[in-house]
C-alpha atoms as a PDB file:
ATOM      1  CA  MET A   1     -21.707 -23.872  14.954  1.00  0.00           C
ATOM      2  CA  SER A   2     -18.951 -22.366  12.611  1.00  0.00           C
ATOM      3  CA  ARG A   3     -16.756 -25.596  11.263  1.00  0.00           C
ATOM      4  CA  ILE A   4     -13.663 -23.569  11.282  1.00  0.00           C
ATOM      5  CA  GLY A   5     -14.727 -21.292  14.797  1.00  0.00           C
ATOM      6  CA  LYS A   6     -15.168 -24.590  16.670  1.00  0.00           C
ATOM      7  CA  LYS A   7     -11.819 -26.284  15.953  1.00  0.00           C
ATOM      8  CA  PRO A   8      -9.302 -25.675  18.922  1.00  0.00           C
ATOM      9  CA  VAL A   9      -5.801 -24.168  17.884  1.00  0.00           C
ATOM     10  CA  LYS A  10      -2.904 -26.107  19.185  1.00  0.00           C
ATOM     11  CA  VAL A  11      -0.257 -24.092  20.454  1.00  0.00           C
ATOM     12  CA  PRO A  12       3.334 -24.968  19.617  1.00  0.00           C
ATOM     13  CA  SER A  13       6.138 -24.925  22.229  1.00  0.00           C
ATOM     14  CA  GLY A  14       7.811 -22.017  22.344  1.00  0.00           C
ATOM     15  CA  VAL A  15       5.011 -19.984  21.914  1.00  0.00           C
ATOM     16  CA  LYS A  16       3.900 -17.681  24.552  1.00  0.00           C
ATOM     17  CA  ILE A  17      -0.078 -16.879  24.753  1.00  0.00           C
ATOM     18  CA  GLU A  18      -1.307 -13.897  27.131  1.00  0.00           C
ATOM     19  CA  ILE A  19      -5.198 -12.904  27.450  1.00  0.00           C
ATOM     20  CA  LYS A  20      -5.669  -9.507  29.386  1.00  0.00           C
ATOM     21  CA  GLY A  21      -9.237  -8.807  29.298  1.00  0.00           C
ATOM     22  CA  ARG A  22      -9.783  -8.145  25.513  1.00  0.00           C
ATOM     23  CA  HIS A  23      -6.168  -7.943  24.535  1.00  0.00           C
ATOM     24  CA  LEU A  24      -4.779 -11.304  23.221  1.00  0.00           C
ATOM     25  CA  THR A  25      -0.626 -11.303  22.685  1.00  0.00           C
ATOM     26  CA  VAL A  26       1.156 -14.178  20.884  1.00  0.00           C
ATOM     27  CA  GLY A  27       4.801 -13.978  21.265  1.00  0.00           C
ATOM     28  CA  GLY A  28       7.410 -16.470  19.542  1.00  0.00           C
ATOM     29  CA  THR A  29      10.698 -16.851  17.865  1.00  0.00           C
ATOM     30  CA  LEU A  30      10.110 -14.408  15.042  1.00  0.00           C
ATOM     31  CA  ALA A  31       8.105 -11.673  16.555  1.00  0.00           C
ATOM     32  CA  ASN A  32       5.113 -10.650  19.212  1.00  0.00           C
ATOM     33  CA  LEU A  33       1.566 -10.094  17.637  1.00  0.00           C
ATOM     34  CA  THR A  34      -1.456  -8.384  19.268  1.00  0.00           C
ATOM     35  CA  PHE A  35      -4.562  -8.733  18.636  1.00  0.00           C
ATOM     36  CA  ASP A  36      -8.109  -7.051  19.963  1.00  0.00           C
ATOM     37  CA  ILE A  37     -10.731  -9.418  20.399  1.00  0.00           C
ATOM     38  CA  HIS A  38     -14.235  -8.519  19.611  1.00  0.00           C
ATOM     39  CA  PRO A  39     -16.526  -8.156  22.864  1.00  0.00           C
ATOM     40  CA  ASP A  40     -19.206 -10.804  21.572  1.00  0.00           C
ATOM     41  CA  ILE A  41     -16.189 -13.628  21.098  1.00  0.00           C
ATOM     42  CA  ASP A  42     -14.942 -15.207  24.285  1.00  0.00           C
ATOM     43  CA  VAL A  43     -10.984 -16.805  23.633  1.00  0.00           C
ATOM     44  CA  GLU A  44      -9.690 -19.109  26.279  1.00  0.00           C
ATOM     45  CA  TYR A  45      -6.540 -20.529  26.291  1.00  0.00           C
ATOM     46  CA  ASP A  46      -5.913 -23.888  27.983  1.00  0.00           C
ATOM     47  CA  SER A  47      -2.318 -24.189  29.218  1.00  0.00           C
ATOM     48  CA  GLN A  48      -2.605 -28.009  30.200  1.00  0.00           C
ATOM     49  CA  ALA A  49      -3.928 -29.164  26.638  1.00  0.00           C
ATOM     50  CA  ASP A  50      -1.918 -26.019  25.027  1.00  0.00           C
ATOM     51  CA  GLU A  51      -4.767 -25.092  22.964  1.00  0.00           C
ATOM     52  CA  ILE A  52      -6.897 -22.011  22.352  1.00  0.00           C
ATOM     53  CA  ARG A  53     -10.561 -22.268  22.364  1.00  0.00           C
ATOM     54  CA  VAL A  54     -12.834 -19.626  20.659  1.00  0.00           C
ATOM     55  CA  SER A  55     -16.738 -19.585  21.370  1.00  0.00           C
ATOM     56  CA  ARG A  56     -19.673 -16.913  20.344  1.00  0.00           C
ATOM     57  CA  SER A  57     -22.366 -15.293  22.629  1.00  0.00           C
ATOM     58  CA  SER A  58     -25.342 -16.070  20.059  1.00  0.00           C
ATOM     59  CA  ASP A  59     -26.008 -17.600  16.758  1.00  0.00           C
ATOM     60  CA  MET A  60     -26.605 -14.349  15.177  1.00  0.00           C
ATOM     61  CA  ARG A  61     -25.196 -13.773  11.624  1.00  0.00           C
ATOM     62  CA  PHE A  62     -23.040 -11.306  12.445  1.00  0.00           C
ATOM     63  CA  HIS A  63     -21.587 -13.781  15.920  1.00  0.00           C
ATOM     64  CA  ARG A  64     -21.469 -16.418  13.353  1.00  0.00           C
ATOM     65  CA  SER A  65     -18.956 -14.608  10.970  1.00  0.00           C
ATOM     66  CA  LEU A  66     -16.953 -13.391  13.950  1.00  0.00           C
ATOM     67  CA  HIS A  67     -16.453 -16.629  15.393  1.00  0.00           C
ATOM     68  CA  GLY A  68     -14.870 -18.098  12.342  1.00  0.00           C
ATOM     69  CA  THR A  69     -12.611 -14.813  11.545  1.00  0.00           C
ATOM     70  CA  THR A  70     -11.276 -14.644  15.112  1.00  0.00           C
ATOM     71  CA  ARG A  71     -10.164 -18.436  14.907  1.00  0.00           C
ATOM     72  CA  ALA A  72      -8.419 -17.917  11.396  1.00  0.00           C
ATOM     73  CA  ILE A  73      -6.548 -14.596  12.823  1.00  0.00           C
ATOM     74  CA  ILE A  74      -5.383 -16.248  16.075  1.00  0.00           C
ATOM     75  CA  ALA A  75      -4.114 -19.518  14.028  1.00  0.00           C
ATOM     76  CA  ASN A  76      -2.384 -16.925  11.578  1.00  0.00           C
ATOM     77  CA  MET A  77      -0.618 -15.210  14.733  1.00  0.00           C
ATOM     78  CA  ILE A  78       0.787 -18.347  15.762  1.00  0.00           C
ATOM     79  CA  GLU A  79       1.939 -19.552  12.329  1.00  0.00           C
ATOM     80  CA  GLY A  80       3.477 -16.026  11.591  1.00  0.00           C
ATOM     81  CA  VAL A  81       5.590 -15.879  15.047  1.00  0.00           C
ATOM     82  CA  THR A  82       6.807 -19.630  14.330  1.00  0.00           C
ATOM     83  CA  ARG A  83       7.063 -19.857  10.591  1.00  0.00           C
ATOM     84  CA  GLY A  84       6.518 -16.379   9.296  1.00  0.00           C
ATOM     85  CA  PHE A  85       4.696 -15.343   5.970  1.00  0.00           C
ATOM     86  CA  GLN A  86       5.972 -14.605   2.372  1.00  0.00           C
ATOM     87  CA  LYS A  87       4.728 -13.238  -1.001  1.00  0.00           C
ATOM     88  CA  LYS A  88       7.237 -13.745  -3.859  1.00  0.00           C
ATOM     89  CA  ILE A  89       6.534 -11.065  -6.362  1.00  0.00           C
ATOM     90  CA  GLU A  90       8.144 -11.113  -9.793  1.00  0.00           C
ATOM     91  CA  VAL A  91       8.496  -8.082 -12.237  1.00  0.00           C
ATOM     92  CA  TYR A  92       8.721  -8.266 -15.958  1.00  0.00           C
ATOM     93  CA  GLY A  93       9.853  -6.191 -18.674  1.00  0.00           C
ATOM     94  CA  THR A  94      12.916  -4.473 -20.191  1.00  0.00           C
ATOM     95  CA  GLY A  95      14.832  -2.529 -17.993  1.00  0.00           C
ATOM     96  CA  TYR A  96      12.431  -3.154 -15.135  1.00  0.00           C
ATOM     97  CA  GLY A  97      14.186  -3.728 -11.396  1.00  0.00           C
ATOM     98  CA  VAL A  98      13.770  -3.193  -8.097  1.00  0.00           C
ATOM     99  CA  LYS A  99      16.413  -2.288  -5.294  1.00  0.00           C
ATOM    100  CA  VAL A 100      16.224  -1.509  -1.431  1.00  0.00           C
ATOM    101  CA  GLN A 101      17.744   1.511   0.052  1.00  0.00           C
ATOM    102  CA  GLY A 102      17.473   1.841   4.017  1.00  0.00           C
ATOM    103  CA  MET A 103      13.503   1.199   4.685  1.00  0.00           C
ATOM    104  CA  GLU A 104      12.644   2.286   0.884  1.00  0.00           C
ATOM    105  CA  LEU A 105      11.819  -0.074  -1.913  1.00  0.00           C
ATOM    106  CA  GLN A 106      12.405   1.314  -4.885  1.00  0.00           C
ATOM    107  CA  LEU A 107      10.683  -0.178  -8.329  1.00  0.00           C
ATOM    108  CA  SER A 108      12.076   0.862 -11.586  1.00  0.00           C
ATOM    109  CA  VAL A 109       8.699   0.055 -13.653  1.00  0.00           C
ATOM    110  CA  GLY A 110       9.170   2.258 -16.438  1.00  0.00           C
ATOM    111  CA  TYR A 111       7.575   5.408 -15.301  1.00  0.00           C
ATOM    112  CA  ALA A 112      10.179   8.419 -15.480  1.00  0.00           C
ATOM    113  CA  GLN A 113      11.027   8.100 -11.827  1.00  0.00           C
ATOM    114  CA  PRO A 114      11.412   4.867  -9.705  1.00  0.00           C
ATOM    115  CA  VAL A 115       8.346   3.809  -7.691  1.00  0.00           C
ATOM    116  CA  ARG A 116       9.346   4.450  -3.902  1.00  0.00           C
ATOM    117  CA  LEU A 117       7.574   2.530  -1.118  1.00  0.00           C
ATOM    118  CA  THR A 118       8.275   2.603   2.740  1.00  0.00           C
ATOM    119  CA  ILE A 119       8.768  -0.879   4.018  1.00  0.00           C
ATOM    120  CA  PRO A 120       6.426  -0.964   6.751  1.00  0.00           C
ATOM    121  CA  GLU A 121       7.965  -2.178  10.386  1.00  0.00           C
ATOM    122  CA  GLY A 122       8.076  -5.753  11.101  1.00  0.00           C
ATOM    123  CA  ILE A 123       8.411  -6.599   7.137  1.00  0.00           C
ATOM    124  CA  THR A 124      11.896  -7.277   5.284  1.00  0.00           C
ATOM    125  CA  VAL A 125      12.161  -7.770   1.563  1.00  0.00           C
ATOM    126  CA  ASP A 126      14.807 -10.429   0.056  1.00  0.00           C
ATOM    127  CA  ILE A 127      15.723  -9.849  -3.428  1.00  0.00           C
ATOM    128  CA  ALA A 128      16.886 -12.520  -5.520  1.00  0.00           C
ATOM    129  CA  THR A 129      17.076 -11.162  -9.120  1.00  0.00           C
ATOM    130  CA  PRO A 130      17.547  -7.563  -8.885  1.00  0.00           C
ATOM    131  CA  ASN A 131      16.819  -6.935 -12.465  1.00  0.00           C
ATOM    132  CA  ALA A 132      14.616  -8.307 -15.429  1.00  0.00           C
ATOM    133  CA  ARG A 133      15.968  -9.098 -18.969  1.00  0.00           C
ATOM    134  CA  GLY A 134      13.369  -8.448 -21.127  1.00  0.00           C
ATOM    135  CA  ASN A 135      10.024 -10.403 -20.635  1.00  0.00           C
ATOM    136  CA  GLU A 136      11.633 -14.011 -20.453  1.00  0.00           C
ATOM    137  CA  THR A 137      13.589 -13.423 -16.960  1.00  0.00           C
ATOM    138  CA  PRO A 138      11.760 -11.501 -14.333  1.00  0.00           C
ATOM    139  CA  ALA A 139      13.360  -9.607 -11.592  1.00  0.00           C
ATOM    140  CA  VAL A 140      12.417 -11.929  -8.469  1.00  0.00           C
ATOM    141  CA  PHE A 141      12.139 -10.923  -4.521  1.00  0.00           C
ATOM    142  CA  THR A 142       9.783 -11.952  -1.597  1.00  0.00           C
ATOM    143  CA  VAL A 143       8.363  -9.854   0.677  1.00  0.00           C
ATOM    144  CA  ASN A 144       8.514 -11.849   4.205  1.00  0.00           C
ATOM    145  CA  GLY A 145       6.998 -10.931   7.795  1.00  0.00           C
ATOM    146  CA  ALA A 146       4.989 -12.445  10.985  1.00  0.00           C
ATOM    147  CA  ASP A 147       1.756 -10.764  10.247  1.00  0.00           C
ATOM    148  CA  LYS A 148      -0.036 -11.949   7.354  1.00  0.00           C
ATOM    149  CA  HIS A 149      -2.443  -9.152   6.818  1.00  0.00           C
ATOM    150  CA  ALA A 150       0.650  -6.653   6.978  1.00  0.00           C
ATOM    151  CA  VAL A 151       2.615  -9.252   4.119  1.00  0.00           C
ATOM    152  CA  GLY A 152      -0.123  -9.465   1.937  1.00  0.00           C
ATOM    153  CA  GLN A 153      -1.122  -5.576   2.093  1.00  0.00           C
ATOM    154  CA  PHE A 154       2.426  -4.442   1.253  1.00  0.00           C
ATOM    155  CA  ALA A 155       2.912  -6.853  -1.576  1.00  0.00           C
ATOM    156  CA  ALA A 156      -0.764  -5.804  -3.234  1.00  0.00           C
ATOM    157  CA  ASP A 157       0.662  -2.131  -2.463  1.00  0.00           C
ATOM    158  CA  ILE A 158       3.682  -3.148  -4.696  1.00  0.00           C
ATOM    159  CA  ARG A 159       1.848  -5.005  -7.550  1.00  0.00           C
ATOM    160  CA  ARG A 160      -0.608  -2.112  -7.388  1.00  0.00           C
ATOM    161  CA  SER A 161       2.381   0.344  -8.665  1.00  0.00           C
ATOM    162  CA  ARG A 162       2.438  -1.261 -12.145  1.00  0.00           C
ATOM    163  CA  PRO A 163      -0.124  -4.024 -12.788  1.00  0.00           C
ATOM    164  CA  PRO A 164       0.762  -6.476 -15.389  1.00  0.00           C
ATOM    165  CA  GLU A 165      -0.537  -5.416 -19.054  1.00  0.00           C
ATOM    166  CA  PRO A 166      -2.413  -7.963 -21.005  1.00  0.00           C
ATOM    167  CA  TYR A 167      -0.587  -8.382 -23.981  1.00  0.00           C
ATOM    168  CA  LEU A 168       3.178  -8.856 -22.943  1.00  0.00           C
ATOM    169  CA  GLY A 169       2.456  -9.301 -19.753  1.00  0.00           C
ATOM    170  CA  LYS A 170       4.892  -6.579 -18.378  1.00  0.00           C
ATOM    171  CA  GLY A 171       4.361  -4.967 -15.102  1.00  0.00           C
ATOM    172  CA  VAL A 172       4.568  -6.351 -11.176  1.00  0.00           C
ATOM    173  CA  ARG A 173       2.699  -9.660 -10.197  1.00  0.00           C
ATOM    174  CA  PHE A 174       2.915 -12.490  -7.798  1.00  0.00           C
ATOM    175  CA  ALA A 175       5.073 -15.262  -8.495  1.00  0.00           C
ATOM    176  CA  ASP A 176       1.437 -17.785  -8.988  1.00  0.00           C
ATOM    177  CA  GLU A 177      -0.356 -15.426 -10.768  1.00  0.00           C
ATOM    178  CA  VAL A 178      -1.640 -16.623 -14.208  1.00  0.00           C
ATOM    179  CA  ILE A 179      -2.061 -13.406 -16.601  1.00  0.00           C
ATOM    180  CA  LYS A 180      -4.420 -14.122 -19.303  1.00  0.00           C
ATOM    181  CA  LYS A 181      -2.881 -12.252 -22.263  1.00  0.00           C
ATOM    182  CA  LYS A 182      -4.773 -10.667 -25.523  1.00  0.00           C
ATOM    183  CA  VAL A 183      -4.158 -11.449 -28.883  1.00  0.00           C
ATOM    184  CA  GLY A 184      -3.016  -7.864 -30.227  1.00  0.00           C
ATOM    185  CA  LYS A 185      -4.575  -6.435 -33.712  1.00  0.00           C
ATOM    186  CA  ALA A 186      -3.887  -8.675 -36.582  1.00  0.00           C
ATOM    187  CA  PHE A 187      -3.262  -6.751 -39.761  1.00  0.00           C
ATOM    188  CA  ALA A 188      -4.589  -8.117 -42.795  1.00  0.00           C
ATOM    189  CA  SER A 189      -3.495  -7.079 -46.216  1.00  0.00           C
ATOM    190  CA  SER A 190      -6.472  -6.395 -48.824  1.00  0.00           C
ATOM    191  CA  GLY A 191      -5.792  -8.030 -52.318  1.00  0.00           C
END
């Protein structure tokens, strides 16, 4: 048995669970999320104990991997509709900055034109510091949403627009990311 898959998922009060055939819907204060269950995985909701149990049809390697993954996705859905997820992002570099116009995120990251990214539905961007001041004080903003996958994917797309370079660390990075800096070339004078 999968150690993760066999643990039941506790359902807090205020979260509505609905299973129709192979379709799971989780509703809460922040959002309603849906998930299509694989045909070889069984999901049962016990309303008396307020928990969800996930089981698999066989011990094949593929089913074992689906077992734990399905349970983790359901747990993330429940956490997402109650508390939500967020990714904090920092932008380092002189003249670099970020702003939101409508449903579009604009990043000024050293290109001739700002990088424009459409904000997906269900995702919000909160800007704490809109402009970076050199390589010491970054522009800081957070990507928030109920869907963990959507938040992580949009944050990865933002980082991909200008990955941090290894010499000064300029670029877009996650707040908890550690950049290994390289030492620049040393010019020695011959004497």
